[in-house]
């Protein structure tokens, strides 16, 4: 066994039309170490990073959920806070789902 089962889900809501989009990555056990690093680099416990301000109409809100074996994490971010490690994780999930053969 090379690592725990990893599942990362990203949900984007809001925006002009209020359309909800969802992406999920379920990497193989061989890919798990890379994903564990991505997940652990995010500031899950940083209340300033995850606080949803009243940002006004037509803004996106991102819900990010990660399961690393028995360790479950969840955060909601306004689009203005989706940078750094958060952006890296979201981009990886979106790329994972759009990669042929997965």
PDB file of N, CA and C in Angstrom:
ATOM      1  N   UNK A   1       0.843  -1.174   0.000  1.00  0.00           N
ATOM      2  CA  UNK A   1       0.000   0.000   0.000  1.00  0.00           C
ATOM      3  C   UNK A   1       0.892   1.243   0.000  1.00  0.00           C
ATOM      4  N   UNK A   2       0.687   2.138  -0.957  1.00  0.00           N
ATOM      5  CA  UNK A   2       1.533   3.313  -1.081  1.00  0.00           C
ATOM      6  C   UNK A   2       0.938   4.550  -0.438  1.00  0.00           C
ATOM      7  N   UNK A   3      -0.301   4.535  -0.010  1.00  0.00           N
ATOM      8  CA  UNK A   3      -0.917   5.701   0.606  1.00  0.00           C
ATOM      9  C   UNK A   3      -2.406   5.517   0.725  1.00  0.00           C
ATOM     10  N   UNK A   4      -3.069   6.462   1.388  1.00  0.00           N
ATOM     11  CA  UNK A   4      -4.512   6.349   1.582  1.00  0.00           C
ATOM     12  C   UNK A   4      -5.263   6.634   0.290  1.00  0.00           C
ATOM     13  N   UNK A   5      -6.518   6.207   0.267  1.00  0.00           N
ATOM     14  CA  UNK A   5      -7.384   6.587  -0.840  1.00  0.00           C
ATOM     15  C   UNK A   5      -7.570   8.092  -0.793  1.00  0.00           C
ATOM     16  N   UNK A   6      -7.479   8.708  -1.952  1.00  0.00           N
ATOM     17  CA  UNK A   6      -7.585  10.161  -2.038  1.00  0.00           C
ATOM     18  C   UNK A   6      -8.720  10.509  -2.996  1.00  0.00           C
ATOM     19  N   UNK A   7      -9.609  11.392  -2.536  1.00  0.00           N
ATOM     20  CA  UNK A   7     -10.670  11.927  -3.386  1.00  0.00           C
ATOM     21  C   UNK A   7     -10.754  13.418  -3.102  1.00  0.00           C
ATOM     22  N   UNK A   8     -10.690  14.221  -4.154  1.00  0.00           N
ATOM     23  CA  UNK A   8     -10.802  15.666  -4.000  1.00  0.00           C
ATOM     24  C   UNK A   8     -11.928  16.140  -4.915  1.00  0.00           C
ATOM     25  N   UNK A   9     -12.877  16.884  -4.337  1.00  0.00           N
ATOM     26  CA  UNK A   9     -13.997  17.425  -5.092  1.00  0.00           C
ATOM     27  C   UNK A   9     -13.985  18.932  -4.976  1.00  0.00           C
ATOM     28  N   UNK A  10     -14.213  19.590  -6.102  1.00  0.00           N
ATOM     29  CA  UNK A  10     -14.290  21.045  -6.160  1.00  0.00           C
ATOM     30  C   UNK A  10     -15.645  21.406  -6.756  1.00  0.00           C
ATOM     31  N   UNK A  11     -16.355  22.303  -6.071  1.00  0.00           N
ATOM     32  CA  UNK A  11     -17.650  22.784  -6.558  1.00  0.00           C
ATOM     33  C   UNK A  11     -17.582  24.302  -6.637  1.00  0.00           C
ATOM     34  N   UNK A  12     -17.924  24.833  -7.811  1.00  0.00           N
ATOM     35  CA  UNK A  12     -17.971  26.281  -7.990  1.00  0.00           C
ATOM     36  C   UNK A  12     -19.423  26.690  -8.177  1.00  0.00           C
ATOM     37  N   UNK A  13     -19.873  27.634  -7.358  1.00  0.00           N
ATOM     38  CA  UNK A  13     -21.235  28.136  -7.473  1.00  0.00           C
ATOM     39  C   UNK A  13     -21.203  29.645  -7.631  1.00  0.00           C
ATOM     40  N   UNK A  14     -22.321  30.194  -8.044  1.00  0.00           N
ATOM     41  CA  UNK A  14     -22.427  31.642  -8.194  1.00  0.00           C
ATOM     42  C   UNK A  14     -22.116  32.075  -9.604  1.00  0.00           C
ATOM     43  N   UNK A  15     -21.618  33.287  -9.714  1.00  0.00           N
ATOM     44  CA  UNK A  15     -21.336  33.841 -11.027  1.00  0.00           C
ATOM     45  C   UNK A  15     -22.576  34.457 -11.637  1.00  0.00           C
ATOM     46  N   UNK A  16     -22.430  34.965 -12.810  1.00  0.00           N
ATOM     47  CA  UNK A  16     -23.489  35.698 -13.496  1.00  0.00           C
ATOM     48  C   UNK A  16     -24.777  34.878 -13.618  1.00  0.00           C
ATOM     49  N   UNK A  17     -24.658  33.635 -14.067  1.00  0.00           N
ATOM     50  CA  UNK A  17     -25.835  32.802 -14.283  1.00  0.00           C
ATOM     51  C   UNK A  17     -26.144  31.890 -13.104  1.00  0.00           C
ATOM     52  N   UNK A  18     -25.313  31.914 -12.085  1.00  0.00           N
ATOM     53  CA  UNK A  18     -25.536  31.060 -10.917  1.00  0.00           C
ATOM     54  C   UNK A  18     -25.381  29.581 -11.220  1.00  0.00           C
ATOM     55  N   UNK A  19     -24.610  29.268 -12.231  1.00  0.00           N
ATOM     56  CA  UNK A  19     -24.435  27.873 -12.645  1.00  0.00           C
ATOM     57  C   UNK A  19     -23.444  27.171 -11.720  1.00  0.00           C
ATOM     58  N   UNK A  20     -23.796  25.954 -11.332  1.00  0.00           N
ATOM     59  CA  UNK A  20     -22.958  25.138 -10.456  1.00  0.00           C
ATOM     60  C   UNK A  20     -22.123  24.206 -11.328  1.00  0.00           C
ATOM     61  N   UNK A  21     -20.812  24.164 -11.064  1.00  0.00           N
ATOM     62  CA  UNK A  21     -19.903  23.239 -11.751  1.00  0.00           C
ATOM     63  C   UNK A  21     -19.210  22.394 -10.694  1.00  0.00           C
ATOM     64  N   UNK A  22     -18.949  21.150 -11.033  1.00  0.00           N
ATOM     65  CA  UNK A  22     -18.287  20.248 -10.088  1.00  0.00           C
ATOM     66  C   UNK A  22     -17.252  19.408 -10.812  1.00  0.00           C
ATOM     67  N   UNK A  23     -16.100  19.248 -10.144  1.00  0.00           N
ATOM     68  CA  UNK A  23     -15.014  18.424 -10.651  1.00  0.00           C
ATOM     69  C   UNK A  23     -14.572  17.496  -9.531  1.00  0.00           C
ATOM     70  N   UNK A  24     -14.181  16.280  -9.881  1.00  0.00           N
ATOM     71  CA  UNK A  24     -13.698  15.329  -8.880  1.00  0.00           C
ATOM     72  C   UNK A  24     -12.461  14.623  -9.402  1.00  0.00           C
ATOM     73  N   UNK A  25     -11.486  14.456  -8.520  1.00  0.00           N
ATOM     74  CA  UNK A  25     -10.280  13.687  -8.829  1.00  0.00           C
ATOM     75  C   UNK A  25     -10.202  12.515  -7.859  1.00  0.00           C
ATOM     76  N   UNK A  26     -10.045  11.327  -8.406  1.00  0.00           N
ATOM     77  CA  UNK A  26      -9.837  10.122  -7.607  1.00  0.00           C
ATOM     78  C   UNK A  26      -8.568   9.446  -8.140  1.00  0.00           C
ATOM     79  N   UNK A  27      -7.420   9.971  -7.725  1.00  0.00           N
ATOM     80  CA  UNK A  27      -6.157   9.424  -8.228  1.00  0.00           C
ATOM     81  C   UNK A  27      -5.906   8.001  -7.738  1.00  0.00           C
ATOM     82  N   UNK A  28      -5.072   7.299  -8.487  1.00  0.00           N
ATOM     83  CA  UNK A  28      -4.684   5.948  -8.093  1.00  0.00           C
ATOM     84  C   UNK A  28      -3.772   6.021  -6.862  1.00  0.00           C
ATOM     85  N   UNK A  29      -3.550   4.886  -6.251  1.00  0.00           N
ATOM     86  CA  UNK A  29      -2.648   4.844  -5.077  1.00  0.00           C
ATOM     87  C   UNK A  29      -1.232   5.286  -5.453  1.00  0.00           C
ATOM     88  N   UNK A  30      -0.818   5.008  -6.668  1.00  0.00           N
ATOM     89  CA  UNK A  30       0.510   5.439  -7.121  1.00  0.00           C
ATOM     90  C   UNK A  30       0.592   6.959  -7.244  1.00  0.00           C
ATOM     91  N   UNK A  31      -0.512   7.596  -7.559  1.00  0.00           N
ATOM     92  CA  UNK A  31      -0.560   9.051  -7.701  1.00  0.00           C
ATOM     93  C   UNK A  31      -0.822   9.760  -6.368  1.00  0.00           C
ATOM     94  N   UNK A  32      -1.228   9.008  -5.356  1.00  0.00           N
ATOM     95  CA  UNK A  32      -1.653   9.580  -4.068  1.00  0.00           C
ATOM     96  C   UNK A  32      -0.622  10.502  -3.416  1.00  0.00           C
ATOM     97  N   UNK A  33       0.670  10.185  -3.391  1.00  0.00           N
ATOM     98  CA  UNK A  33       1.625  11.072  -2.712  1.00  0.00           C
ATOM     99  C   UNK A  33       1.595  12.511  -3.247  1.00  0.00           C
ATOM    100  N   UNK A  34       1.488  12.665  -4.558  1.00  0.00           N
ATOM    101  CA  UNK A  34       1.405  14.003  -5.160  1.00  0.00           C
ATOM    102  C   UNK A  34       0.160  14.732  -4.662  1.00  0.00           C
ATOM    103  N   UNK A  35      -0.953  14.041  -4.633  1.00  0.00           N
ATOM    104  CA  UNK A  35      -2.218  14.656  -4.209  1.00  0.00           C
ATOM    105  C   UNK A  35      -2.229  14.964  -2.716  1.00  0.00           C
ATOM    106  N   UNK A  36      -1.644  14.100  -1.931  1.00  0.00           N
ATOM    107  CA  UNK A  36      -1.563  14.347  -0.481  1.00  0.00           C
ATOM    108  C   UNK A  36      -0.772  15.624  -0.231  1.00  0.00           C
ATOM    109  N   UNK A  37       0.317  15.800  -0.949  1.00  0.00           N
ATOM    110  CA  UNK A  37       1.109  17.027  -0.811  1.00  0.00           C
ATOM    111  C   UNK A  37       0.286  18.249  -1.188  1.00  0.00           C
ATOM    112  N   UNK A  38      -0.422  18.181  -2.312  1.00  0.00           N
ATOM    113  CA  UNK A  38      -1.263  19.311  -2.735  1.00  0.00           C
ATOM    114  C   UNK A  38      -2.296  19.671  -1.663  1.00  0.00           C
ATOM    115  N   UNK A  39      -2.954  18.670  -1.127  1.00  0.00           N
ATOM    116  CA  UNK A  39      -3.998  18.896  -0.117  1.00  0.00           C
ATOM    117  C   UNK A  39      -3.407  19.478   1.158  1.00  0.00           C
ATOM    118  N   UNK A  40      -2.298  18.927   1.606  1.00  0.00           N
ATOM    119  CA  UNK A  40      -1.702  19.385   2.861  1.00  0.00           C
ATOM    120  C   UNK A  40      -1.104  20.781   2.770  1.00  0.00           C
ATOM    121  N   UNK A  41      -0.773  21.247   1.567  1.00  0.00           N
ATOM    122  CA  UNK A  41      -0.234  22.595   1.416  1.00  0.00           C
ATOM    123  C   UNK A  41      -1.296  23.684   1.558  1.00  0.00           C
ATOM    124  N   UNK A  42      -2.556  23.325   1.475  1.00  0.00           N
ATOM    125  CA  UNK A  42      -3.641  24.306   1.588  1.00  0.00           C
ATOM    126  C   UNK A  42      -3.878  24.686   3.045  1.00  0.00           C
ATOM    127  N   UNK A  43      -4.183  25.964   3.303  1.00  0.00           N
ATOM    128  CA  UNK A  43      -4.412  26.429   4.676  1.00  0.00           C
ATOM    129  C   UNK A  43      -5.842  26.147   5.155  1.00  0.00           C
ATOM    130  N   UNK A  44      -6.148  24.879   5.383  1.00  0.00           N
ATOM    131  CA  UNK A  44      -7.503  24.449   5.737  1.00  0.00           C
ATOM    132  C   UNK A  44      -8.020  25.105   7.009  1.00  0.00           C
ATOM    133  N   UNK A  45      -7.149  25.384   7.961  1.00  0.00           N
ATOM    134  CA  UNK A  45      -7.579  25.927   9.254  1.00  0.00           C
ATOM    135  C   UNK A  45      -7.450  27.440   9.348  1.00  0.00           C
ATOM    136  N   UNK A  46      -7.085  28.096   8.261  1.00  0.00           N
ATOM    137  CA  UNK A  46      -6.918  29.550   8.255  1.00  0.00           C
ATOM    138  C   UNK A  46      -8.268  30.213   8.027  1.00  0.00           C
ATOM    139  N   UNK A  47      -8.883  30.695   9.105  1.00  0.00           N
ATOM    140  CA  UNK A  47     -10.212  31.285   9.013  1.00  0.00           C
ATOM    141  C   UNK A  47     -10.235  32.520   8.120  1.00  0.00           C
ATOM    142  N   UNK A  48      -9.153  33.283   8.068  1.00  0.00           N
ATOM    143  CA  UNK A  48      -9.103  34.452   7.190  1.00  0.00           C
ATOM    144  C   UNK A  48      -9.119  34.029   5.716  1.00  0.00           C
ATOM    145  N   UNK A  49      -8.479  32.920   5.411  1.00  0.00           N
ATOM    146  CA  UNK A  49      -8.416  32.459   4.022  1.00  0.00           C
ATOM    147  C   UNK A  49      -9.743  31.886   3.552  1.00  0.00           C
ATOM    148  N   UNK A  50     -10.524  31.325   4.486  1.00  0.00           N
ATOM    149  CA  UNK A  50     -11.762  30.659   4.095  1.00  0.00           C
ATOM    150  C   UNK A  50     -13.013  31.456   4.408  1.00  0.00           C
ATOM    151  N   UNK A  51     -12.880  32.629   5.015  1.00  0.00           N
ATOM    152  CA  UNK A  51     -14.053  33.444   5.337  1.00  0.00           C
ATOM    153  C   UNK A  51     -14.694  33.954   4.053  1.00  0.00           C
ATOM    154  N   UNK A  52     -16.000  33.856   3.980  1.00  0.00           N
ATOM    155  CA  UNK A  52     -16.730  34.313   2.800  1.00  0.00           C
ATOM    156  C   UNK A  52     -17.262  35.720   3.075  1.00  0.00           C
ATOM    157  N   UNK A  53     -16.601  36.738   2.528  1.00  0.00           N
ATOM    158  CA  UNK A  53     -17.099  38.095   2.722  1.00  0.00           C
ATOM    159  C   UNK A  53     -18.303  38.348   1.827  1.00  0.00           C
ATOM    160  N   UNK A  54     -19.026  39.392   2.112  1.00  0.00           N
ATOM    161  CA  UNK A  54     -20.123  39.793   1.242  1.00  0.00           C
ATOM    162  C   UNK A  54     -19.491  40.460   0.029  1.00  0.00           C
ATOM    163  N   UNK A  55     -19.162  39.645  -0.970  1.00  0.00           N
ATOM    164  CA  UNK A  55     -18.377  40.117  -2.113  1.00  0.00           C
ATOM    165  C   UNK A  55     -19.235  40.729  -3.213  1.00  0.00           C
ATOM    166  N   UNK A  56     -20.532  40.689  -3.048  1.00  0.00           N
ATOM    167  CA  UNK A  56     -21.388  41.259  -4.068  1.00  0.00           C
ATOM    168  C   UNK A  56     -21.892  40.207  -5.041  1.00  0.00           C
ATOM    169  N   UNK A  57     -22.726  40.673  -5.948  1.00  0.00           N
ATOM    170  CA  UNK A  57     -23.351  39.782  -6.923  1.00  0.00           C
ATOM    171  C   UNK A  57     -22.326  39.273  -7.937  1.00  0.00           C
ATOM    172  N   UNK A  58     -22.665  38.164  -8.531  1.00  0.00           N
ATOM    173  CA  UNK A  58     -21.912  37.591  -9.651  1.00  0.00           C
ATOM    174  C   UNK A  58     -20.512  37.119  -9.297  1.00  0.00           C
ATOM    175  N   UNK A  59     -20.263  36.817  -8.042  1.00  0.00           N
ATOM    176  CA  UNK A  59     -18.965  36.290  -7.621  1.00  0.00           C
ATOM    177  C   UNK A  59     -19.077  34.784  -7.435  1.00  0.00           C
ATOM    178  N   UNK A  60     -17.982  34.089  -7.700  1.00  0.00           N
ATOM    179  CA  UNK A  60     -17.957  32.649  -7.483  1.00  0.00           C
ATOM    180  C   UNK A  60     -17.587  32.337  -6.043  1.00  0.00           C
ATOM    181  N   UNK A  61     -18.116  31.221  -5.553  1.00  0.00           N
ATOM    182  CA  UNK A  61     -17.714  30.634  -4.281  1.00  0.00           C
ATOM    183  C   UNK A  61     -17.268  29.221  -4.605  1.00  0.00           C
ATOM    184  N   UNK A  62     -16.134  28.842  -4.036  1.00  0.00           N
ATOM    185  CA  UNK A  62     -15.536  27.532  -4.288  1.00  0.00           C
ATOM    186  C   UNK A  62     -15.623  26.676  -3.035  1.00  0.00           C
ATOM    187  N   UNK A  63     -16.208  25.492  -3.137  1.00  0.00           N
ATOM    188  CA  UNK A  63     -16.216  24.522  -2.038  1.00  0.00           C
ATOM    189  C   UNK A  63     -15.225  23.431  -2.421  1.00  0.00           C
ATOM    190  N   UNK A  64     -14.282  23.190  -1.543  1.00  0.00           N
ATOM    191  CA  UNK A  64     -13.239  22.203  -1.797  1.00  0.00           C
ATOM    192  C   UNK A  64     -13.301  21.164  -0.683  1.00  0.00           C
ATOM    193  N   UNK A  65     -13.438  19.912  -1.086  1.00  0.00           N
ATOM    194  CA  UNK A  65     -13.487  18.811  -0.129  1.00  0.00           C
ATOM    195  C   UNK A  65     -12.401  17.812  -0.489  1.00  0.00           C
ATOM    196  N   UNK A  66     -11.692  17.344   0.525  1.00  0.00           N
ATOM    197  CA  UNK A  66     -10.629  16.370   0.293  1.00  0.00           C
ATOM    198  C   UNK A  66     -10.744  15.248   1.313  1.00  0.00           C
ATOM    199  N   UNK A  67     -10.601  14.032   0.818  1.00  0.00           N
ATOM    200  CA  UNK A  67     -10.566  12.861   1.696  1.00  0.00           C
ATOM    201  C   UNK A  67      -9.234  12.173   1.475  1.00  0.00           C
ATOM    202  N   UNK A  68      -8.467  12.096   2.547  1.00  0.00           N
ATOM    203  CA  UNK A  68      -7.190  11.376   2.541  1.00  0.00           C
ATOM    204  C   UNK A  68      -7.357  10.214   3.504  1.00  0.00           C
ATOM    205  N   UNK A  69      -7.846   9.103   3.020  1.00  0.00           N
ATOM    206  CA  UNK A  69      -8.150   7.987   3.909  1.00  0.00           C
ATOM    207  C   UNK A  69      -9.270   8.388   4.845  1.00  0.00           C
ATOM    208  N   UNK A  70      -8.999   8.405   6.153  1.00  0.00           N
ATOM    209  CA  UNK A  70     -10.001   8.786   7.155  1.00  0.00           C
ATOM    210  C   UNK A  70      -9.986  10.275   7.473  1.00  0.00           C
ATOM    211  N   UNK A  71      -9.094  11.013   6.879  1.00  0.00           N
ATOM    212  CA  UNK A  71      -8.953  12.452   7.136  1.00  0.00           C
ATOM    213  C   UNK A  71      -9.798  13.218   6.109  1.00  0.00           C
ATOM    214  N   UNK A  72     -10.877  13.849   6.576  1.00  0.00           N
ATOM    215  CA  UNK A  72     -11.761  14.617   5.706  1.00  0.00           C
ATOM    216  C   UNK A  72     -11.586  16.104   5.976  1.00  0.00           C
ATOM    217  N   UNK A  73     -11.459  16.859   4.901  1.00  0.00           N
ATOM    218  CA  UNK A  73     -11.276  18.308   5.016  1.00  0.00           C
ATOM    219  C   UNK A  73     -12.266  18.999   4.099  1.00  0.00           C
ATOM    220  N   UNK A  74     -12.715  20.203   4.533  1.00  0.00           N
ATOM    221  CA  UNK A  74     -13.680  20.955   3.730  1.00  0.00           C
ATOM    222  C   UNK A  74     -13.443  22.440   3.945  1.00  0.00           C
ATOM    223  N   UNK A  75     -13.515  23.194   2.856  1.00  0.00           N
ATOM    224  CA  UNK A  75     -13.377  24.643   2.945  1.00  0.00           C
ATOM    225  C   UNK A  75     -14.255  25.283   1.876  1.00  0.00           C
ATOM    226  N   UNK A  76     -14.733  26.483   2.181  1.00  0.00           N
ATOM    227  CA  UNK A  76     -15.429  27.309   1.197  1.00  0.00           C
ATOM    228  C   UNK A  76     -14.660  28.606   1.081  1.00  0.00           C
ATOM    229  N   UNK A  77     -14.382  28.989  -0.166  1.00  0.00           N
ATOM    230  CA  UNK A  77     -13.561  30.171  -0.422  1.00  0.00           C
ATOM    231  C   UNK A  77     -14.265  31.103  -1.400  1.00  0.00           C
ATOM    232  N   UNK A  78     -14.153  32.395  -1.169  1.00  0.00           N
ATOM    233  CA  UNK A  78     -14.592  33.325  -2.213  1.00  0.00           C
ATOM    234  C   UNK A  78     -13.557  33.304  -3.326  1.00  0.00           C
ATOM    235  N   UNK A  79     -13.964  33.680  -4.523  1.00  0.00           N
ATOM    236  CA  UNK A  79     -13.020  33.643  -5.642  1.00  0.00           C
ATOM    237  C   UNK A  79     -11.790  34.505  -5.399  1.00  0.00           C
ATOM    238  N   UNK A  80     -11.917  35.551  -4.599  1.00  0.00           N
ATOM    239  CA  UNK A  80     -10.775  36.429  -4.332  1.00  0.00           C
ATOM    240  C   UNK A  80      -9.708  35.751  -3.479  1.00  0.00           C
ATOM    241  N   UNK A  81     -10.042  34.637  -2.834  1.00  0.00           N
ATOM    242  CA  UNK A  81      -9.075  33.917  -2.000  1.00  0.00           C
ATOM    243  C   UNK A  81      -8.539  32.665  -2.682  1.00  0.00           C
ATOM    244  N   UNK A  82      -8.938  32.432  -3.920  1.00  0.00           N
ATOM    245  CA  UNK A  82      -8.501  31.238  -4.632  1.00  0.00           C
ATOM    246  C   UNK A  82      -7.181  31.527  -5.343  1.00  0.00           C
ATOM    247  N   UNK A  83      -6.101  31.425  -4.574  1.00  0.00           N
ATOM    248  CA  UNK A  83      -4.761  31.646  -5.113  1.00  0.00           C
ATOM    249  C   UNK A  83      -3.790  30.762  -4.358  1.00  0.00           C
ATOM    250  N   UNK A  84      -2.560  30.734  -4.817  1.00  0.00           N
ATOM    251  CA  UNK A  84      -1.534  29.929  -4.149  1.00  0.00           C
ATOM    252  C   UNK A  84      -1.873  28.444  -4.154  1.00  0.00           C
ATOM    253  N   UNK A  85      -1.752  27.808  -2.996  1.00  0.00           N
ATOM    254  CA  UNK A  85      -1.986  26.364  -2.874  1.00  0.00           C
ATOM    255  C   UNK A  85      -3.419  25.990  -3.230  1.00  0.00           C
ATOM    256  N   UNK A  86      -4.373  26.865  -2.883  1.00  0.00           N
ATOM    257  CA  UNK A  86      -5.775  26.590  -3.244  1.00  0.00           C
ATOM    258  C   UNK A  86      -5.928  26.514  -4.763  1.00  0.00           C
ATOM    259  N   UNK A  87      -5.383  27.490  -5.461  1.00  0.00           N
ATOM    260  CA  UNK A  87      -5.481  27.527  -6.931  1.00  0.00           C
ATOM    261  C   UNK A  87      -4.799  26.304  -7.530  1.00  0.00           C
ATOM    262  N   UNK A  88      -3.639  25.938  -6.999  1.00  0.00           N
ATOM    263  CA  UNK A  88      -2.922  24.759  -7.496  1.00  0.00           C
ATOM    264  C   UNK A  88      -3.785  23.504  -7.376  1.00  0.00           C
ATOM    265  N   UNK A  89      -4.417  23.335  -6.217  1.00  0.00           N
ATOM    266  CA  UNK A  89      -5.257  22.158  -5.987  1.00  0.00           C
ATOM    267  C   UNK A  89      -6.454  22.151  -6.936  1.00  0.00           C
ATOM    268  N   UNK A  90      -7.141  23.284  -7.052  1.00  0.00           N
ATOM    269  CA  UNK A  90      -8.307  23.372  -7.937  1.00  0.00           C
ATOM    270  C   UNK A  90      -7.915  23.078  -9.381  1.00  0.00           C
ATOM    271  N   UNK A  91      -6.828  23.654  -9.841  1.00  0.00           N
ATOM    272  CA  UNK A  91      -6.374  23.422 -11.225  1.00  0.00           C
ATOM    273  C   UNK A  91      -6.034  21.956 -11.462  1.00  0.00           C
ATOM    274  N   UNK A  92      -5.412  21.317 -10.484  1.00  0.00           N
ATOM    275  CA  UNK A  92      -5.080  19.890 -10.615  1.00  0.00           C
ATOM    276  C   UNK A  92      -6.350  19.048 -10.716  1.00  0.00           C
ATOM    277  N   UNK A  93      -7.361  19.370  -9.896  1.00  0.00           N
ATOM    278  CA  UNK A  93      -8.619  18.618  -9.945  1.00  0.00           C
ATOM    279  C   UNK A  93      -9.286  18.805 -11.309  1.00  0.00           C
ATOM    280  N   UNK A  94      -9.338  20.041 -11.765  1.00  0.00           N
ATOM    281  CA  UNK A  94      -9.952  20.308 -13.059  1.00  0.00           C
ATOM    282  C   UNK A  94      -9.188  19.612 -14.187  1.00  0.00           C
ATOM    283  N   UNK A  95      -7.874  19.607 -14.134  1.00  0.00           N
ATOM    284  CA  UNK A  95      -7.061  18.935 -15.155  1.00  0.00           C
ATOM    285  C   UNK A  95      -7.228  17.420 -15.090  1.00  0.00           C
ATOM    286  N   UNK A  96      -7.311  16.896 -13.890  1.00  0.00           N
ATOM    287  CA  UNK A  96      -7.455  15.458 -13.700  1.00  0.00           C
ATOM    288  C   UNK A  96      -8.719  14.962 -14.385  1.00  0.00           C
ATOM    289  N   UNK A  97      -9.806  15.674 -14.166  1.00  0.00           N
ATOM    290  CA  UNK A  97     -11.081  15.230 -14.715  1.00  0.00           C
ATOM    291  C   UNK A  97     -11.134  15.358 -16.234  1.00  0.00           C
ATOM    292  N   UNK A  98     -10.396  16.280 -16.790  1.00  0.00           N
ATOM    293  CA  UNK A  98     -10.448  16.475 -18.242  1.00  0.00           C
ATOM    294  C   UNK A  98      -9.382  15.680 -18.992  1.00  0.00           C
ATOM    295  N   UNK A  99      -8.569  14.912 -18.265  1.00  0.00           N
ATOM    296  CA  UNK A  99      -7.531  14.107 -18.903  1.00  0.00           C
ATOM    297  C   UNK A  99      -8.126  12.828 -19.467  1.00  0.00           C
ATOM    298  N   UNK A 100      -7.973  12.577 -20.759  1.00  0.00           N
ATOM    299  CA  UNK A 100      -8.511  11.344 -21.355  1.00  0.00           C
ATOM    300  C   UNK A 100      -7.908  10.101 -20.712  1.00  0.00           C
ATOM    301  N   UNK A 101      -8.705   9.052 -20.633  1.00  0.00           N
ATOM    302  CA  UNK A 101      -8.225   7.778 -20.111  1.00  0.00           C
ATOM    303  C   UNK A 101      -8.290   7.658 -18.608  1.00  0.00           C
ATOM    304  N   UNK A 102      -8.886   8.584 -17.948  1.00  0.00           N
ATOM    305  CA  UNK A 102      -9.004   8.510 -16.480  1.00  0.00           C
ATOM    306  C   UNK A 102     -10.371   8.005 -16.108  1.00  0.00           C
TER     307      UNK A 102
END
